[in-house]
Amino acid sequence: MSDIQCANCGKIVSARFTLCPYCREELTSRTVFRQRPPGGAEVGARWIRRGLLYMLLAGISYYLLGGHSPLPLAIPFEIPDWVINYALPFLFLGGLGLAVVGFIRHSIA
């Protein structure tokens, strides 16, 4: 059971009592506040931001590592071709999917 606060003396008592055991006043205020489960618009907005961040990370990485940049990027190790050709586009598409699902969750809630 949950606990409530007595309106008269301010002590915390069990919700199953009808009288306060401390001041013997009737506990009339039985308002129960229900919290919404985590989700809805705030989770949708978080997924949108995370998806856009993944898309930005994949786009910048593809631009710099793929040799499309006008500035030569000297990396002290070799980047395998499968990272540039497969992993970064999948990261971009995964971020796009997160953003779309987040937008749907944000618009429904």
Protein backbone atom coordinates (compact mmCIF):
# COMPACT_ATOMS: atom_id res chain seq x y z
CA MET A 1 0.00 0.00 0.00
CA SER A 2 1.05 3.57 -0.39
CA ASP A 3 1.45 6.14 2.32
CA ILE A 4 -0.36 9.46 2.57
CA GLN A 5 0.21 12.57 4.61
CA CYS A 6 -2.31 13.65 7.23
CA ALA A 7 -3.79 17.04 6.39
CA ASN A 8 -4.08 17.98 10.06
CA CYS A 9 -0.79 16.99 11.72
CA GLY A 10 1.39 16.37 8.65
CA LYS A 11 2.57 12.90 9.66
CA ILE A 12 2.91 10.12 7.10
CA VAL A 13 0.39 7.32 7.66
CA SER A 14 -0.67 4.26 5.73
CA ALA A 15 -3.37 4.75 3.10
CA ARG A 16 -5.51 1.99 4.62
CA PHE A 17 -6.30 4.08 7.72
CA THR A 18 -9.46 6.17 7.85
CA LEU A 19 -8.35 8.01 11.02
CA CYS A 20 -4.88 9.41 11.69
CA PRO A 21 -3.29 7.37 14.51
CA TYR A 22 -1.46 10.47 15.79
CA CYS A 23 -4.14 13.19 15.89
CA ARG A 24 -7.31 11.06 15.46
CA GLU A 25 -8.61 13.27 12.66
CA GLU A 26 -10.41 11.77 9.70
CA LEU A 27 -8.28 11.26 6.60
CA THR A 28 -10.59 12.65 3.95
CA SER A 29 -8.13 13.58 1.26
CA ARG A 30 -7.58 10.31 -0.53
CA THR A 31 -6.36 11.75 -3.78
CA VAL A 32 -4.11 9.25 -5.51
CA PHE A 33 -1.80 10.68 -8.11
CA ARG A 34 -0.88 8.25 -10.83
CA GLN A 35 2.38 8.77 -12.59
CA ARG A 36 2.47 8.20 -16.29
CA PRO A 37 4.76 5.39 -17.31
CA PRO A 38 7.99 6.48 -18.93
CA GLY A 39 7.43 6.99 -22.60
CA GLY A 40 5.44 9.23 -24.81
CA ALA A 41 6.65 12.55 -26.11
CA GLU A 42 9.84 12.83 -24.04
CA VAL A 43 11.06 9.39 -25.11
CA GLY A 44 10.11 10.14 -28.70
CA ALA A 45 12.09 13.38 -28.63
CA ARG A 46 15.07 11.55 -27.15
CA TRP A 47 14.93 8.97 -29.96
CA ILE A 48 14.72 11.72 -32.58
CA ARG A 49 17.80 13.45 -31.17
CA ARG A 50 19.73 10.18 -30.93
CA GLY A 51 18.80 9.21 -34.48
CA LEU A 52 19.86 12.60 -35.85
CA LEU A 53 23.13 12.33 -33.96
CA TYR A 54 23.82 8.89 -35.47
CA MET A 55 23.02 10.23 -38.93
CA LEU A 56 25.36 13.19 -38.41
CA LEU A 57 28.12 10.91 -37.13
CA ALA A 58 27.77 8.59 -40.12
CA GLY A 59 27.67 11.47 -42.60
CA ILE A 60 30.74 13.22 -41.25
CA SER A 61 32.65 9.94 -40.94
CA TYR A 62 31.76 8.96 -44.50
CA TYR A 63 32.76 12.38 -45.78
CA LEU A 64 36.13 12.39 -44.01
CA LEU A 65 37.08 8.70 -44.26
CA GLY A 66 35.78 8.14 -47.78
CA GLY A 67 38.18 10.62 -49.34
CA HIS A 68 35.54 13.17 -50.30
CA SER A 69 37.04 15.95 -48.20
CA PRO A 70 39.15 18.62 -49.93
CA LEU A 71 41.48 18.51 -46.94
CA PRO A 72 43.60 15.37 -46.76
CA LEU A 73 42.94 13.51 -43.52
CA ALA A 74 46.04 11.68 -42.31
CA ILE A 75 45.01 8.80 -40.06
CA PRO A 76 47.83 6.72 -38.54
CA PHE A 77 46.03 3.45 -39.28
CA GLU A 78 44.23 1.93 -42.25
CA ILE A 79 40.41 2.01 -42.36
CA PRO A 80 39.01 -1.17 -43.95
CA ASP A 81 36.82 -0.69 -47.00
CA TRP A 82 33.88 -2.57 -45.43
CA VAL A 83 33.63 0.13 -42.76
CA ILE A 84 33.23 2.86 -45.36
CA ASN A 85 31.07 0.87 -47.78
CA TYR A 86 28.80 -1.03 -45.37
CA ALA A 87 29.05 0.01 -41.71
CA LEU A 88 28.66 3.77 -42.15
CA PRO A 89 25.60 3.52 -44.45
CA PHE A 90 24.01 1.08 -41.99
CA LEU A 91 24.75 3.53 -39.16
CA PHE A 92 23.08 6.28 -41.20
CA LEU A 93 20.03 4.12 -41.95
CA GLY A 94 19.80 3.03 -38.31
CA GLY A 95 19.82 6.67 -37.23
CA LEU A 96 17.14 7.43 -39.82
CA GLY A 97 15.03 4.58 -38.45
CA LEU A 98 15.45 5.85 -34.88
CA ALA A 99 14.43 9.35 -35.94
CA VAL A 100 11.34 8.08 -37.77
CA VAL A 101 10.22 5.88 -34.86
CA GLY A 102 10.88 8.73 -32.44
CA PHE A 103 8.81 11.07 -34.59
CA ILE A 104 5.95 8.56 -34.61
CA ARG A 105 6.12 8.10 -30.83
CA HIS A 106 6.34 11.86 -30.33
CA SER A 107 3.32 12.55 -32.52
CA ILE A 108 1.16 9.81 -30.94
CA ALA A 109 1.81 10.79 -27.30
